[in-house]
N, C-alpha and C. Protein backbone atom coordinates (compact mmCIF):
# COMPACT_ATOMS: atom_id res chain seq x y z
N UNK A 1 0.87 -1.12 -0.06
CA UNK A 1 -0.12 0.20 0.06
C UNK A 1 1.04 1.69 -0.31
N UNK A 2 0.48 2.12 -0.42
CA UNK A 2 1.20 3.50 -0.21
C UNK A 2 1.48 4.28 0.84
N UNK A 3 2.42 4.63 0.85
CA UNK A 3 2.61 4.64 2.93
C UNK A 3 3.37 6.36 2.38
N UNK A 4 3.69 7.07 3.60
CA UNK A 4 4.84 7.92 4.11
C UNK A 4 5.09 7.60 5.71
N UNK A 5 6.38 8.18 5.85
CA UNK A 5 7.09 8.40 6.46
C UNK A 5 7.60 9.26 7.19
N UNK A 6 7.33 9.15 8.82
CA UNK A 6 6.55 10.08 9.17
C UNK A 6 8.32 10.55 10.66
N UNK A 7 8.67 11.02 10.23
CA UNK A 7 10.12 11.09 11.08
C UNK A 7 9.64 11.59 12.42
N UNK A 8 9.63 11.37 13.80
CA UNK A 8 9.71 12.32 14.31
C UNK A 8 10.58 12.68 14.98
N UNK A 9 11.12 14.12 15.47
CA UNK A 9 12.67 14.62 15.55
C UNK A 9 11.81 15.04 17.11
N UNK A 10 11.19 13.86 18.06
CA UNK A 10 10.99 14.02 19.16
C UNK A 10 9.70 15.55 19.88
N UNK A 11 9.13 14.99 19.51
CA UNK A 11 7.86 15.69 19.09
C UNK A 11 6.80 15.39 19.60
N UNK A 12 6.35 16.22 21.24
CA UNK A 12 6.08 15.93 21.92
C UNK A 12 4.21 15.21 21.50
N UNK A 13 3.83 16.30 20.51
CA UNK A 13 1.99 17.01 19.97
C UNK A 13 2.53 15.22 18.48
N UNK A 14 3.34 14.51 18.68
CA UNK A 14 3.18 14.39 17.55
C UNK A 14 2.13 13.46 17.10
N UNK A 15 1.00 12.46 18.13
CA UNK A 15 0.09 12.38 17.46
C UNK A 15 -0.69 13.12 17.05
N UNK A 16 -0.62 14.03 17.04
CA UNK A 16 -1.75 14.46 16.50
C UNK A 16 -1.40 15.26 14.42
N UNK A 17 0.10 14.88 14.30
CA UNK A 17 0.96 14.78 13.47
C UNK A 17 0.18 13.81 12.25
N UNK A 18 0.02 12.70 13.75
CA UNK A 18 0.08 11.70 12.95
C UNK A 18 -1.84 10.95 12.42
N UNK A 19 -2.65 11.67 12.85
CA UNK A 19 -4.28 11.95 12.79
C UNK A 19 -4.17 12.57 11.63
N UNK A 20 -3.39 13.76 11.72
CA UNK A 20 -4.17 14.32 10.10
C UNK A 20 -3.25 13.63 9.17
N UNK A 21 -2.52 12.93 9.37
CA UNK A 21 -1.80 12.34 8.47
C UNK A 21 -2.34 11.13 7.58
N UNK A 22 -3.29 10.85 8.67
CA UNK A 22 -4.35 9.02 8.38
C UNK A 22 -4.86 9.41 8.38
N UNK A 23 -5.92 11.19 7.88
CA UNK A 23 -7.02 10.83 6.65
C UNK A 23 -6.30 11.06 5.55
N UNK A 24 -5.12 11.30 5.33
CA UNK A 24 -4.72 11.69 3.62
C UNK A 24 -4.44 9.77 2.54
N UNK A 25 -3.87 9.49 4.36
CA UNK A 25 -2.59 8.24 3.13
C UNK A 25 -1.86 7.02 4.55
N UNK A 26 -1.56 6.05 4.18
CA UNK A 26 -1.45 5.24 5.39
C UNK A 26 0.22 6.03 6.04
N UNK A 27 0.27 5.97 7.37
CA UNK A 27 2.15 6.35 7.83
C UNK A 27 2.85 4.87 8.87
N UNK A 28 3.99 5.73 8.52
CA UNK A 28 4.19 5.17 10.00
C UNK A 28 5.49 5.20 10.11
N UNK A 29 5.21 5.89 11.79
CA UNK A 29 6.13 6.90 12.45
C UNK A 29 7.81 6.28 13.16
N UNK A 30 9.01 6.91 12.66
CA UNK A 30 10.09 6.20 13.57
C UNK A 30 10.59 7.32 14.01
N UNK A 31 11.61 7.12 15.51
CA UNK A 31 11.98 8.26 16.57
C UNK A 31 12.93 8.80 15.58
N UNK A 32 13.27 10.09 15.08
CA UNK A 32 14.58 10.73 14.40
C UNK A 32 16.09 9.24 14.64
N UNK A 33 15.86 8.78 15.93
CA UNK A 33 17.21 8.46 16.06
C UNK A 33 17.33 6.39 15.76
N UNK A 34 16.13 6.57 15.76
CA UNK A 34 15.94 4.45 15.62
C UNK A 34 16.41 4.43 14.21
N UNK A 35 15.97 5.64 12.76
CA UNK A 35 16.91 5.62 11.25
C UNK A 35 17.79 4.77 11.02
N UNK A 36 17.42 3.97 10.18
CA UNK A 36 18.32 2.63 10.13
C UNK A 36 18.03 2.85 8.36
N UNK A 37 18.54 3.41 7.17
CA UNK A 37 18.42 3.82 5.79
C UNK A 37 18.08 2.63 4.44
N UNK A 38 18.65 1.62 5.48
CA UNK A 38 18.28 0.51 4.33
C UNK A 38 17.59 -0.72 5.01
N UNK A 39 16.47 -0.64 6.71
CA UNK A 39 15.65 -1.07 7.04
C UNK A 39 13.95 0.04 5.65
N UNK A 40 15.09 1.66 6.45
CA UNK A 40 13.77 2.75 5.30
C UNK A 40 13.93 2.11 3.49
N UNK A 41 14.70 1.61 3.06
CA UNK A 41 14.69 1.50 1.32
C UNK A 41 13.64 0.37 1.40
N UNK A 42 13.10 -0.60 2.28
CA UNK A 42 12.74 -1.81 2.68
C UNK A 42 10.72 -1.69 2.79
N UNK A 43 10.63 -0.02 2.62
CA UNK A 43 9.48 0.43 3.45
C UNK A 43 8.71 0.77 2.31
N UNK A 44 9.36 1.18 1.18
CA UNK A 44 9.26 1.56 0.70
C UNK A 44 8.21 2.62 0.35
N UNK A 45 8.90 3.78 0.57
CA UNK A 45 7.69 4.57 0.88
C UNK A 45 7.77 5.36 -0.06
N UNK A 46 6.59 6.18 0.21
CA UNK A 46 6.60 7.19 -1.04
C UNK A 46 6.87 9.22 -0.67
N UNK A 47 6.66 8.51 0.43
CA UNK A 47 7.24 10.24 1.06
C UNK A 47 7.49 10.20 2.63
N UNK A 48 8.29 11.16 2.60
CA UNK A 48 8.48 11.35 3.51
C UNK A 48 8.81 12.88 4.70
N UNK A 49 8.14 13.01 5.97
CA UNK A 49 7.57 14.29 6.70
C UNK A 49 8.54 14.59 7.81
N UNK A 50 9.24 15.47 7.98
CA UNK A 50 10.06 15.51 9.39
C UNK A 50 9.06 16.37 10.29
N UNK A 51 9.00 15.80 11.21
CA UNK A 51 7.89 16.74 12.21
C UNK A 51 8.74 17.64 13.27
N UNK A 52 8.05 18.06 13.87
CA UNK A 52 8.33 19.65 14.66
C UNK A 52 8.45 19.19 15.47
N UNK A 53 9.32 19.78 16.51
CA UNK A 53 10.61 18.88 17.92
C UNK A 53 10.35 21.15 18.75
N UNK A 54 9.90 20.72 20.18
CA UNK A 54 10.33 21.77 20.57
C UNK A 54 12.11 22.65 20.66
N UNK A 55 12.87 23.25 20.36
CA UNK A 55 13.94 23.38 19.99
C UNK A 55 14.09 23.97 18.82
N UNK A 56 14.85 24.98 19.56
CA UNK A 56 15.45 26.81 18.33
C UNK A 56 16.54 26.06 18.23
N UNK A 57 16.58 26.37 16.60
CA UNK A 57 16.96 25.91 15.84
C UNK A 57 18.74 27.06 16.23
N UNK A 58 18.44 28.05 16.55
CA UNK A 58 19.76 28.88 16.71
C UNK A 58 20.50 28.67 17.72
N UNK A 59 19.72 28.20 19.00
CA UNK A 59 20.51 28.12 19.79
C UNK A 59 20.93 26.58 20.47
N UNK A 60 20.77 25.54 19.64
CA UNK A 60 21.05 24.51 19.96
C UNK A 60 22.12 24.31 18.82
N UNK A 61 22.84 22.95 19.04
CA UNK A 61 23.90 21.91 18.76
C UNK A 61 22.87 20.83 17.59
N UNK A 62 22.69 21.47 16.78
CA UNK A 62 21.44 20.54 15.91
C UNK A 62 22.14 19.37 15.06
N UNK A 63 23.57 19.53 14.65
CA UNK A 63 24.82 18.82 14.13
C UNK A 63 24.14 17.22 14.13
N UNK A 64 23.91 16.79 15.46
CA UNK A 64 22.95 15.63 15.52
C UNK A 64 22.14 14.88 15.11
N UNK A 65 20.71 15.05 14.18
CA UNK A 65 19.82 15.87 13.62
C UNK A 65 20.20 15.64 12.56
N UNK A 66 21.29 16.53 11.94
CA UNK A 66 21.40 16.57 9.94
C UNK A 66 22.08 15.55 9.96
N UNK A 67 23.30 14.89 10.76
CA UNK A 67 23.22 14.10 10.20
C UNK A 67 22.67 12.47 9.71
N UNK A 68 22.06 12.10 10.71
CA UNK A 68 20.68 10.51 10.70
C UNK A 68 20.18 11.72 9.72
N UNK A 69 19.61 13.25 9.24
CA UNK A 69 18.66 12.64 7.85
C UNK A 69 19.15 13.33 6.77
N UNK A 70 20.61 13.57 6.66
CA UNK A 70 21.32 13.70 5.26
C UNK A 70 21.18 12.62 4.32
N UNK A 71 21.19 11.43 5.58
CA UNK A 71 21.09 10.13 4.00
C UNK A 71 19.74 10.00 3.21
N UNK A 72 19.09 10.42 3.66
CA UNK A 72 17.42 10.78 3.73
C UNK A 72 17.48 11.22 2.38
N UNK A 73 18.13 12.74 2.59
CA UNK A 73 18.13 13.53 0.52
C UNK A 73 18.51 12.64 -0.56
N UNK A 74 19.44 11.12 -0.38
CA UNK A 74 19.42 10.35 -1.10
C UNK A 74 18.76 9.69 -1.31
N UNK A 75 17.90 10.05 -1.17
CA UNK A 75 16.79 8.48 -1.36
C UNK A 75 15.98 9.00 -2.45
N UNK A 76 15.60 10.53 -2.23
CA UNK A 76 15.00 11.38 -3.51
C UNK A 76 13.51 11.18 -3.06
N UNK A 77 13.04 10.94 -2.48
CA UNK A 77 12.00 10.54 -1.74
C UNK A 77 11.13 12.08 -1.86
N UNK A 78 9.84 12.72 -2.87
CA UNK A 78 9.23 13.95 -1.52
C UNK A 78 9.18 14.05 -0.23
N UNK A 79 9.86 15.23 0.15
CA UNK A 79 9.41 15.55 1.47
C UNK A 79 8.99 16.56 2.34
N UNK A 80 8.71 16.85 3.12
CA UNK A 80 8.26 17.96 3.61
C UNK A 80 8.71 18.20 5.39
N UNK A 81 9.10 18.96 5.68
CA UNK A 81 9.37 19.34 6.73
C UNK A 81 8.76 20.24 7.25
N UNK A 82 8.10 20.09 9.15
CA UNK A 82 7.40 20.81 9.30
C UNK A 82 8.30 21.89 10.43
N UNK A 83 7.50 23.32 10.66
CA UNK A 83 8.58 23.31 12.11
C UNK A 83 9.48 24.08 12.53
N UNK A 84 9.62 22.55 13.00
CA UNK A 84 11.90 22.54 13.43
C UNK A 84 12.05 21.44 12.04
N UNK A 85 11.39 21.13 11.57
CA UNK A 85 11.46 20.30 10.86
C UNK A 85 11.71 20.65 9.66
N UNK A 86 11.09 21.98 9.78
CA UNK A 86 11.45 23.23 8.07
C UNK A 86 13.35 23.42 8.19
N UNK A 87 13.24 23.85 9.50
CA UNK A 87 14.25 24.37 9.66
C UNK A 87 15.27 23.17 9.17
N UNK A 88 15.41 21.87 10.41
CA UNK A 88 16.09 20.94 9.61
C UNK A 88 16.77 20.73 8.64
N UNK A 89 15.92 20.63 7.50
CA UNK A 89 15.48 20.36 6.14
C UNK A 89 16.63 21.84 5.50
N UNK A 90 16.18 22.69 5.63
CA UNK A 90 16.84 24.30 5.55
C UNK A 90 18.28 23.33 5.52
N UNK A 91 18.70 23.06 7.35
CA UNK A 91 20.20 23.73 7.04
C UNK A 91 20.78 22.07 7.07
N UNK A 92 20.64 21.21 6.31
CA UNK A 92 20.32 19.92 5.85
C UNK A 92 20.86 20.68 4.33
N UNK A 93 19.72 21.22 3.21
CA UNK A 93 20.38 21.98 2.34
C UNK A 93 21.65 23.08 2.17
N UNK A 94 21.90 24.12 3.70
CA UNK A 94 22.37 24.58 3.21
C UNK A 94 22.08 25.48 3.40
N UNK A 95 21.11 25.84 4.31
CA UNK A 95 20.15 27.29 5.02
C UNK A 95 21.40 28.04 5.76
N UNK A 96 21.33 29.61 6.15
CA UNK A 96 21.49 29.69 7.93
C UNK A 96 20.65 29.60 9.05
N UNK A 97 21.02 28.97 9.88
CA UNK A 97 19.55 29.29 11.40
C UNK A 97 19.96 30.39 11.57
N UNK A 98 18.92 31.12 11.94
CA UNK A 98 18.59 32.54 12.54
C UNK A 98 17.32 32.90 13.56
N UNK A 99 18.11 33.79 14.38
CA UNK A 99 17.20 34.00 15.15
C UNK A 99 15.80 34.82 14.79
N UNK A 100 14.29 33.68 15.19
CA UNK A 100 12.97 34.50 15.51
C UNK A 100 12.91 34.18 16.87
N UNK A 101 12.02 35.77 17.69
CA UNK A 101 10.99 35.70 18.90
C UNK A 101 10.33 34.55 18.59
N UNK A 102 9.89 33.97 20.05
CA UNK A 102 8.95 32.45 19.89
C UNK A 102 7.60 32.95 19.39
N UNK A 103 6.78 32.91 19.16
CA UNK A 103 5.32 32.63 18.81
C UNK A 103 4.20 31.49 19.29
N UNK A 104 3.14 31.58 19.14
CA UNK A 104 2.47 30.82 19.56
C UNK A 104 0.62 30.59 19.05
N UNK A 105 0.88 31.47 18.12
CA UNK A 105 -0.45 32.09 17.74
C UNK A 105 -1.41 32.03 16.51
N UNK A 106 -1.67 32.88 16.02
CA UNK A 106 -1.89 32.37 14.86
C UNK A 106 -1.30 33.47 13.53
N UNK A 107 -0.76 33.46 13.03
CA UNK A 107 -0.21 34.19 11.77
C UNK A 107 -0.66 34.11 11.22
N UNK A 108 -0.04 35.54 9.78
CA UNK A 108 -1.22 35.18 8.68
C UNK A 108 0.43 35.61 7.62
N UNK A 109 0.27 34.72 6.59
CA UNK A 109 1.09 34.02 5.57
C UNK A 109 0.72 33.99 4.02
N UNK A 110 0.78 35.00 3.68
CA UNK A 110 1.18 35.81 2.01
C UNK A 110 1.67 34.74 1.26
N UNK A 111 1.00 34.34 0.18
CA UNK A 111 1.41 33.34 -0.99
C UNK A 111 2.53 34.28 -1.90
N UNK A 112 3.63 33.94 -2.67
CA UNK A 112 4.20 34.71 -2.58
C UNK A 112 4.33 34.33 -4.67
N UNK A 113 4.17 32.87 -4.25
CA UNK A 113 4.12 31.83 -5.84
C UNK A 113 3.18 31.18 -5.72
N UNK A 114 2.81 30.17 -6.85
CA UNK A 114 2.07 28.77 -7.11
C UNK A 114 2.38 28.15 -7.33
N UNK A 115 1.83 26.85 -6.16
CA UNK A 115 2.58 25.68 -6.42
C UNK A 115 1.83 24.50 -6.40
N UNK A 116 1.73 23.81 -6.44
CA UNK A 116 0.93 22.26 -5.75
C UNK A 116 0.46 22.37 -4.90
N UNK A 117 1.19 22.68 -2.97
CA UNK A 117 1.06 22.31 -1.89
C UNK A 117 0.25 23.25 -1.48
N UNK A 118 0.13 24.36 -2.22
CA UNK A 118 -0.12 25.00 -2.07
C UNK A 118 -2.11 25.43 -2.93
N UNK A 119 -2.02 24.93 -3.48
CA UNK A 119 -3.53 24.80 -3.84
C UNK A 119 -4.55 24.99 -3.24
N UNK A 120 -5.46 25.94 -3.62
CA UNK A 120 -7.14 25.47 -3.39
C UNK A 120 -6.92 26.24 -1.51
N UNK A 121 -5.83 26.81 -2.03
CA UNK A 121 -5.86 28.24 -0.33
C UNK A 121 -5.74 29.43 -1.39
N UNK A 122 -6.59 30.26 -0.10
CA UNK A 122 -6.47 31.96 -0.93
C UNK A 122 -4.68 32.84 -0.81
N UNK A 123 -5.16 33.79 -1.33
CA UNK A 123 -3.73 34.47 -1.30
C UNK A 123 -2.91 34.57 -0.25
N UNK A 124 -3.99 35.27 1.20
CA UNK A 124 -3.39 35.16 2.52
C UNK A 124 -4.01 33.66 3.03
N UNK A 125 -3.27 33.49 3.86
CA UNK A 125 -3.97 32.76 4.98
C UNK A 125 -3.40 32.91 6.40
N UNK A 126 -3.92 32.08 7.55
CA UNK A 126 -3.61 32.03 9.03
C UNK A 126 -3.44 30.58 8.89
N UNK A 127 -2.11 30.86 10.00
CA UNK A 127 -1.68 29.46 10.29
C UNK A 127 -0.87 29.25 11.81
N UNK A 128 -1.25 28.29 12.67
CA UNK A 128 -1.03 28.18 14.23
C UNK A 128 0.61 28.08 14.01
N UNK A 129 1.75 28.89 14.81
CA UNK A 129 3.32 28.67 14.61
C UNK A 129 3.20 27.93 16.00
N UNK A 130 3.90 28.27 16.76
CA UNK A 130 4.37 27.50 17.79
C UNK A 130 5.94 27.39 18.18
N UNK A 131 6.74 28.39 17.39
CA UNK A 131 8.74 28.30 17.82
C UNK A 131 8.97 29.04 17.58
N UNK A 132 10.30 28.75 17.63
CA UNK A 132 11.42 29.89 17.39
C UNK A 132 12.58 29.87 16.44
N UNK A 133 13.23 30.54 16.40
CA UNK A 133 14.43 30.69 14.97
C UNK A 133 13.54 30.51 13.53
N UNK A 134 14.70 30.78 12.81
CA UNK A 134 14.06 30.37 11.11
C UNK A 134 15.54 29.48 10.52
N UNK A 135 15.24 29.61 8.88
CA UNK A 135 16.20 29.79 8.64
C UNK A 135 15.56 29.98 6.87
N UNK A 136 17.12 30.64 6.59
CA UNK A 136 17.01 31.41 5.32
C UNK A 136 16.72 30.51 4.68
N UNK A 137 16.70 31.17 3.03
CA UNK A 137 16.17 30.20 1.56
C UNK A 137 17.25 29.48 1.54
N UNK A 138 17.84 27.91 1.41
CA UNK A 138 19.17 27.46 1.64
C UNK A 138 19.22 27.96 -0.66
N UNK A 139 20.26 27.62 -0.60
CA UNK A 139 20.54 27.32 -2.63
C UNK A 139 20.07 26.67 -3.56
N UNK A 140 19.60 26.49 -4.30
CA UNK A 140 18.53 26.03 -5.06
C UNK A 140 16.95 25.61 -4.55
N UNK A 141 16.74 26.58 -3.60
CA UNK A 141 14.80 26.44 -2.76
C UNK A 141 14.74 27.69 -3.87
N UNK A 142 13.92 27.59 -3.48
CA UNK A 142 13.09 29.18 -3.86
C UNK A 142 11.18 29.11 -2.50
N UNK A 143 11.45 30.08 -2.55
CA UNK A 143 9.74 30.91 -1.75
C UNK A 143 8.88 31.10 -2.00
N UNK A 144 7.43 29.94 -1.40
CA UNK A 144 6.45 30.51 -2.20
C UNK A 144 5.85 30.71 -0.72
N UNK A 145 6.31 31.33 0.00
CA UNK A 145 5.68 31.85 0.77
C UNK A 145 6.08 33.03 2.36
N UNK A 146 5.37 33.52 2.04
CA UNK A 146 6.91 34.76 3.56
C UNK A 146 5.65 35.04 4.38
N UNK A 147 5.49 36.02 6.29
CA UNK A 147 4.99 36.29 6.62
C UNK A 147 5.57 37.91 7.24
N UNK A 148 4.66 38.32 8.44
CA UNK A 148 5.82 39.38 8.96
C UNK A 148 6.53 39.23 9.66
N UNK A 149 6.65 37.43 10.07
CA UNK A 149 7.38 37.28 11.45
C UNK A 149 8.61 36.35 11.05
N UNK A 150 8.40 36.60 9.64
CA UNK A 150 9.50 35.51 8.65
C UNK A 150 9.62 35.45 7.65
N UNK A 151 10.25 35.47 6.88
CA UNK A 151 10.51 35.23 5.51
C UNK A 151 10.18 33.76 4.90
N UNK A 152 11.02 32.83 5.51
CA UNK A 152 10.67 31.53 4.88
C UNK A 152 9.61 31.01 5.48
N UNK A 153 8.59 30.94 5.11
CA UNK A 153 7.48 30.12 5.98
C UNK A 153 6.96 28.72 5.29
N UNK A 154 7.25 28.96 3.52
CA UNK A 154 7.10 27.31 2.68
C UNK A 154 8.14 28.10 2.03
N UNK A 155 8.81 27.12 1.56
CA UNK A 155 10.08 27.15 0.62
C UNK A 155 10.07 25.51 0.18
N UNK A 156 10.63 25.56 -0.99
CA UNK A 156 10.39 23.92 -2.25
C UNK A 156 11.59 24.88 -2.86
N UNK A 157 11.73 23.36 -3.07
CA UNK A 157 13.39 22.66 -3.59
C UNK A 157 12.99 23.79 -5.54
N UNK A 158 14.23 23.55 -5.59
CA UNK A 158 13.41 24.48 -8.05
C UNK A 158 13.66 23.25 -7.92
N UNK A 159 14.44 21.61 -7.83
CA UNK A 159 13.34 20.21 -9.23
C UNK A 159 13.19 19.49 -8.46
N UNK A 160 12.87 19.26 -6.88
CA UNK A 160 12.33 17.83 -6.46
C UNK A 160 11.47 18.58 -5.74
N UNK A 161 9.90 17.75 -5.57
CA UNK A 161 9.03 18.17 -4.76
C UNK A 161 9.32 17.86 -3.17
N UNK A 162 10.75 18.75 -2.56
CA UNK A 162 11.18 19.18 -1.19
C UNK A 162 10.31 19.91 -0.34
N UNK A 163 9.75 20.08 0.16
CA UNK A 163 8.68 20.97 0.79
C UNK A 163 9.94 21.54 2.24
N UNK A 164 9.98 22.77 3.05
CA UNK A 164 9.89 22.81 4.52
C UNK A 164 8.17 24.46 4.71
N UNK A 165 7.92 24.21 5.58
CA UNK A 165 6.64 25.08 6.11
C UNK A 165 6.74 25.37 7.27
N UNK A 166 7.03 26.35 7.65
CA UNK A 166 7.12 26.89 8.77
C UNK A 166 6.38 26.58 10.08
N UNK A 167 5.21 26.40 9.74
CA UNK A 167 3.57 26.44 10.31
C UNK A 167 3.41 24.97 10.64
N UNK A 168 1.85 25.07 11.57
CA UNK A 168 1.71 23.86 12.42
C UNK A 168 0.48 23.88 11.67
N UNK A 169 0.75 22.67 10.87
CA UNK A 169 -0.51 21.99 9.92
C UNK A 169 -1.80 20.84 10.65
N UNK A 170 -0.95 20.47 11.39
CA UNK A 170 -1.48 19.49 12.57
C UNK A 170 -2.31 20.59 13.64
N UNK A 171 -2.42 21.50 13.36
CA UNK A 171 -2.54 22.90 14.86
C UNK A 171 -3.12 23.36 14.01
N UNK A 172 -3.72 23.67 12.54
CA UNK A 172 -3.79 24.66 12.04
C UNK A 172 -5.01 24.53 11.09
N UNK A 173 -5.60 23.64 11.80
CA UNK A 173 -7.70 23.50 11.49
C UNK A 173 -7.45 23.29 9.80
N UNK A 174 -8.60 23.45 8.73
CA UNK A 174 -8.63 23.09 7.51
C UNK A 174 -7.44 24.04 6.75
N UNK A 175 -6.72 24.70 6.51
CA UNK A 175 -5.92 24.65 6.24
C UNK A 175 -4.70 23.62 6.09
N UNK A 176 -4.39 23.54 7.73
CA UNK A 176 -3.49 22.26 7.21
C UNK A 176 -3.55 20.84 6.90
N UNK A 177 -5.98 20.66 6.45
CA UNK A 177 -5.58 19.32 6.14
C UNK A 177 -5.32 19.73 4.45
N UNK A 178 -5.70 20.74 4.26
CA UNK A 178 -5.61 21.04 2.66
C UNK A 178 -4.25 20.83 2.30
N UNK A 179 -3.55 21.39 3.25
CA UNK A 179 -1.62 21.61 2.68
C UNK A 179 -1.32 20.23 2.46
N UNK A 180 -1.87 19.35 3.99
CA UNK A 180 -0.94 18.16 3.95
C UNK A 180 -2.22 16.90 2.83
N UNK A 181 -3.46 17.49 1.72
CA UNK A 181 -3.87 16.74 1.06
C UNK A 181 -3.42 16.63 -0.48
N UNK A 182 -2.89 18.46 -0.21
CA UNK A 182 -2.59 18.58 -1.77
C UNK A 182 -0.30 17.81 -2.07
N UNK A 183 -0.13 17.59 -0.49
CA UNK A 183 1.16 16.97 0.02
C UNK A 183 0.82 15.22 -0.49
N UNK A 184 0.01 15.36 -0.27
CA UNK A 184 0.11 13.34 -0.56
C UNK A 184 -0.43 12.87 -2.38
N UNK A 185 -1.67 14.55 -2.93
CA UNK A 185 -1.75 14.70 -3.79
C UNK A 185 0.18 14.44 -4.88
N UNK A 186 0.64 15.73 -4.53
CA UNK A 186 2.62 15.20 -5.45
C UNK A 186 2.98 13.60 -5.41
N UNK A 187 2.40 13.41 -4.16
CA UNK A 187 3.28 12.23 -3.86
C UNK A 187 2.81 10.74 -4.95
N UNK A 188 1.96 11.46 -5.40
CA UNK A 188 0.87 9.70 -5.86
C UNK A 188 0.56 10.00 -7.51
N UNK A 189 1.25 11.00 -6.88
CA UNK A 189 1.04 11.57 -8.62
C UNK A 189 3.35 11.58 -9.36
N UNK A 190 3.58 11.21 -7.75
CA UNK A 190 4.98 11.02 -8.77
C UNK A 190 5.18 9.45 -8.71
N UNK A 191 4.08 8.88 -8.82
CA UNK A 191 3.90 7.66 -9.10
C UNK A 191 3.49 7.53 -9.57
N UNK A 192 2.57 7.56 -10.99
CA UNK A 192 1.53 7.53 -11.83
C UNK A 192 2.66 7.24 -13.46
């Protein structure tokens, strides 16, 4: 069956992300430090989601996370980093971590460039953020959406469906569901 892999970066509300993903596609969750690339290949996931976690990329030594994530990039699968998952994915591709104040509220996001990940969303939409810190746009990525609080709210690799969103899909109601649905559509389309 078509399955997506959720990499749990140590997210206390991982069940919320799992509940959201479960509405659209089968999933398997693996804690980040249990990743074994050979075992992953056998699972044949169609895509990978990197979860949020409660730490700030600009305050912590994140190398132990990126060491484990780096080999996943070689699998050439569609990927989606959420919250701190976006930050980790960004630094894997050469972004710089940056300071951004902690926010836990609705933030207005503006779409800068059309992309299938953002289909069916209004040009400006509100999403919940629950994090501090941010990352620059990595080389060979394009910026799809931003906010007054962060330049990089949504990014995509220029030549592949590798995405990062800084807000939490699993806490953002209907719009979060739309983006997750779009990501799953991107995975299943890649297959055909």
